[in-house]
Protein backbone atom coordinates (compact mmCIF):
# COMPACT_ATOMS: atom_id res chain seq x y z
CA MET A 1 -70.13 10.88 32.77
CA GLU A 2 -72.60 13.20 34.19
CA THR A 3 -73.37 14.50 37.74
CA VAL A 4 -76.65 15.75 38.91
CA HIS A 5 -78.44 16.87 42.10
CA LEU A 6 -81.98 15.55 42.74
CA LEU A 7 -84.50 16.94 45.23
CA ILE A 8 -87.42 14.60 45.57
CA SER A 9 -90.69 15.65 47.20
CA GLY A 10 -94.10 13.79 48.20
CA LYS A 11 -94.43 10.65 50.24
CA VAL A 12 -90.98 9.69 49.94
CA GLN A 13 -89.84 8.87 53.47
CA GLY A 14 -90.72 5.73 55.46
CA VAL A 15 -91.39 4.00 52.17
CA PHE A 16 -88.04 2.31 51.51
CA PHE A 17 -87.18 5.03 48.96
CA ARG A 18 -83.49 5.19 49.76
CA ASP A 19 -82.84 1.50 49.90
CA SER A 20 -84.84 0.87 46.79
CA SER A 21 -82.75 3.72 45.10
CA ARG A 22 -79.56 1.93 46.08
CA MET A 23 -80.67 -1.13 44.27
CA ALA A 24 -81.62 0.87 41.24
CA ALA A 25 -78.23 2.75 41.25
CA GLN A 26 -76.30 -0.53 41.52
CA LYS A 27 -78.21 -1.83 38.50
CA LEU A 28 -77.39 1.24 36.43
CA LYS A 29 -73.87 1.48 37.75
CA ILE A 30 -74.60 5.00 39.42
CA THR A 31 -72.48 6.42 42.11
CA GLY A 32 -73.34 9.08 44.50
CA TRP A 33 -75.38 9.37 47.78
CA ILE A 34 -78.94 9.73 48.92
CA LYS A 35 -80.41 10.99 52.12
CA ASN A 36 -83.61 11.91 53.98
CA ARG A 37 -84.02 15.75 54.61
CA GLN A 38 -85.69 17.10 57.71
CA ASP A 39 -88.27 18.91 55.53
CA GLY A 40 -89.58 15.38 54.34
CA LYS A 41 -87.81 15.53 51.10
CA VAL A 42 -85.20 13.13 49.76
CA GLU A 43 -81.91 14.49 48.30
CA ALA A 44 -79.44 12.82 46.03
CA MET A 45 -76.21 13.67 44.13
CA ILE A 46 -75.36 11.02 41.56
CA SER A 47 -72.97 10.33 38.87
CA GLY A 48 -72.69 7.93 35.86
CA GLU A 49 -73.16 7.52 32.22
CA GLU A 50 -75.70 9.90 30.80
CA LYS A 51 -78.21 7.30 29.77
CA ASN A 52 -77.94 5.61 33.12
CA VAL A 53 -78.36 8.93 34.92
CA LYS A 54 -81.38 9.56 32.94
CA ALA A 55 -82.81 6.25 33.73
CA PHE A 56 -82.12 6.71 37.45
CA VAL A 57 -84.03 10.06 37.34
CA ASP A 58 -86.80 8.44 35.60
CA TRP A 59 -86.99 5.78 38.30
CA CYS A 60 -87.04 8.58 40.96
CA LYS A 61 -90.22 10.05 39.45
CA SER A 62 -92.27 7.14 40.49
CA GLY A 63 -89.90 5.49 43.13
CA PRO A 64 -90.69 2.28 45.05
CA GLU A 65 -94.29 0.98 45.35
CA ARG A 66 -95.33 2.85 48.40
CA ALA A 67 -93.87 6.13 47.57
CA LYS A 68 -96.17 8.93 45.95
CA VAL A 69 -93.52 11.20 44.26
CA GLU A 70 -94.88 14.69 43.76
CA GLU A 71 -91.90 16.46 42.12
CA VAL A 72 -88.32 15.76 41.08
CA ILE A 73 -86.15 18.72 40.64
CA VAL A 74 -83.01 18.00 38.69
CA SER A 75 -79.98 20.23 38.42
CA THR A 76 -76.75 19.58 36.59
CA LYS A 77 -73.57 19.83 38.57
CA GLU A 78 -69.94 19.90 37.84
CA LYS A 79 -68.77 16.27 37.14
CA THR A 80 -67.89 14.53 40.27
CA SER A 81 -66.76 10.97 40.77
CA PHE A 82 -67.87 9.02 43.77
CA GLU A 83 -66.68 5.53 44.83
CA LYS A 84 -69.93 4.03 45.48
CA PHE A 85 -73.64 4.79 45.98
CA GLU A 86 -74.34 5.28 49.57
CA ILE A 87 -77.28 6.10 51.88
CA LYS A 88 -76.22 9.02 54.05
CA ARG A 89 -77.75 9.54 57.57
CA HIS A 90 -78.70 13.14 58.20
């Protein structure tokens, strides 16, 4: 298991990024959370098998069709387990 924090910038709000990421996370058996930040970025904390975490991070680099991802900052965190993948409201 691996846990990472993601900070995603670009045109990532108002383009179904969070909802699309939830579907991607479910396919990859990823748990954690994702939320919009007030500065226009999307933030996530995810956990899963290393190969699945890598696949999710790769997905975030392009995101859904209407997104224009400019940067994804990934930092490894202490292993954390989450019950499910959820969209947090501010």
